[in-house]
Amino acid sequence: MAFTEAEVLAGLAEIVNEETGLAVEAVEANKSFTDDLDIDSISMMTIVVNAEKKFGVKIPDDDVKDLVTVQDAVDYINKAQEA
């Protein structure tokens, strides 16, 4: 089952909330994981693993560095679902 962009964004917000304690509302598409949300590399890897499980996609370690903003992750997951 493919998730909509809104569902992916909401799901990522929940995952970030569980990992960091940030409010779900703070996780917006235009926010940078590191600069705006203050997510370190270890937390980011946990977020990626949880996103892979939640959305049924694979995000190779080499691609994680390209996920700068929340929207980057949403777009990546949406594209990976179609593959």
Protein backbone atom coordinates (compact mmCIF):
# COMPACT_ATOMS: atom_id res chain seq x y z
CA MET A 1 0.00 0.00 0.00
CA ALA A 2 1.42 3.35 -1.03
CA PHE A 3 1.30 6.21 1.43
CA THR A 4 0.33 9.73 0.37
CA GLU A 5 2.75 12.61 0.82
CA ALA A 6 0.69 13.84 3.78
CA GLU A 7 0.75 10.38 5.38
CA VAL A 8 4.52 10.14 4.95
CA LEU A 9 5.01 13.60 6.49
CA ALA A 10 2.75 12.73 9.42
CA GLY A 11 4.48 9.38 9.89
CA LEU A 12 7.92 10.99 9.85
CA ALA A 13 6.74 13.57 12.37
CA GLU A 14 5.64 10.75 14.68
CA ILE A 15 8.97 8.95 14.26
CA VAL A 16 10.94 12.16 14.97
CA ASN A 17 8.74 12.81 18.01
CA GLU A 18 9.38 9.30 19.38
CA GLU A 19 13.14 9.62 18.85
CA THR A 20 13.72 13.22 19.95
CA GLY A 21 10.68 14.35 21.93
CA LEU A 22 10.09 17.21 19.47
CA ALA A 23 6.46 18.16 19.03
CA VAL A 24 4.87 16.55 15.98
CA GLU A 25 3.78 20.02 14.85
CA ALA A 26 7.43 21.16 14.79
CA VAL A 27 8.30 18.65 12.06
CA GLU A 28 7.43 20.59 8.92
CA ALA A 29 8.39 19.78 5.33
CA ASN A 30 10.73 22.77 4.96
CA LYS A 31 12.68 22.08 8.17
CA SER A 32 16.27 20.88 8.09
CA PHE A 33 16.88 17.79 10.21
CA THR A 34 20.17 19.14 11.58
CA ASP A 35 19.82 22.92 11.49
CA ASP A 36 16.15 23.37 12.45
CA LEU A 37 15.31 20.18 14.32
CA ASP A 38 18.78 19.65 15.90
CA ILE A 39 18.87 15.94 15.01
CA ASP A 40 22.31 14.34 15.29
CA SER A 41 23.62 11.56 13.08
CA ILE A 42 22.82 8.78 15.54
CA SER A 43 19.22 9.93 15.95
CA MET A 44 18.96 10.33 12.19
CA MET A 45 19.98 6.71 11.64
CA THR A 46 17.32 5.58 14.13
CA ILE A 47 14.75 7.73 12.33
CA VAL A 48 15.78 6.20 9.00
CA VAL A 49 15.50 2.61 10.32
CA ASN A 50 12.07 3.34 11.80
CA ALA A 51 10.94 5.01 8.55
CA GLU A 52 12.09 1.98 6.57
CA LYS A 53 9.97 -0.26 8.79
CA LYS A 54 6.94 2.03 8.83
CA PHE A 55 6.84 2.69 5.09
CA GLY A 56 8.28 -0.59 3.79
CA VAL A 57 11.16 1.04 1.91
CA LYS A 58 14.95 0.73 1.95
CA ILE A 59 17.08 3.85 2.45
CA PRO A 60 20.75 2.94 1.87
CA ASP A 61 23.26 4.56 4.23
CA ASP A 62 24.86 6.39 1.29
CA ASP A 63 21.52 8.12 0.54
CA VAL A 64 20.89 9.33 4.10
CA LYS A 65 23.37 12.21 3.68
CA ASP A 66 21.13 13.59 0.89
CA LEU A 67 18.11 13.81 3.20
CA VAL A 68 18.72 17.34 4.43
CA THR A 69 15.14 18.49 4.93
CA VAL A 70 12.00 16.69 6.00
CA GLN A 71 10.69 17.19 2.44
CA ASP A 72 13.78 15.43 1.07
CA ALA A 73 12.87 12.39 3.18
CA VAL A 74 9.20 12.55 2.17
CA ASP A 75 10.15 12.72 -1.52
CA TYR A 76 12.65 9.87 -1.15
CA ILE A 77 10.13 7.62 0.59
CA ASN A 78 7.42 8.40 -1.96
CA LYS A 79 9.80 7.61 -4.83
CA ALA A 80 11.01 4.41 -3.12
CA GLN A 81 7.41 3.23 -2.69
CA GLU A 82 6.88 3.44 -6.44
CA ALA A 83 9.96 1.36 -7.24
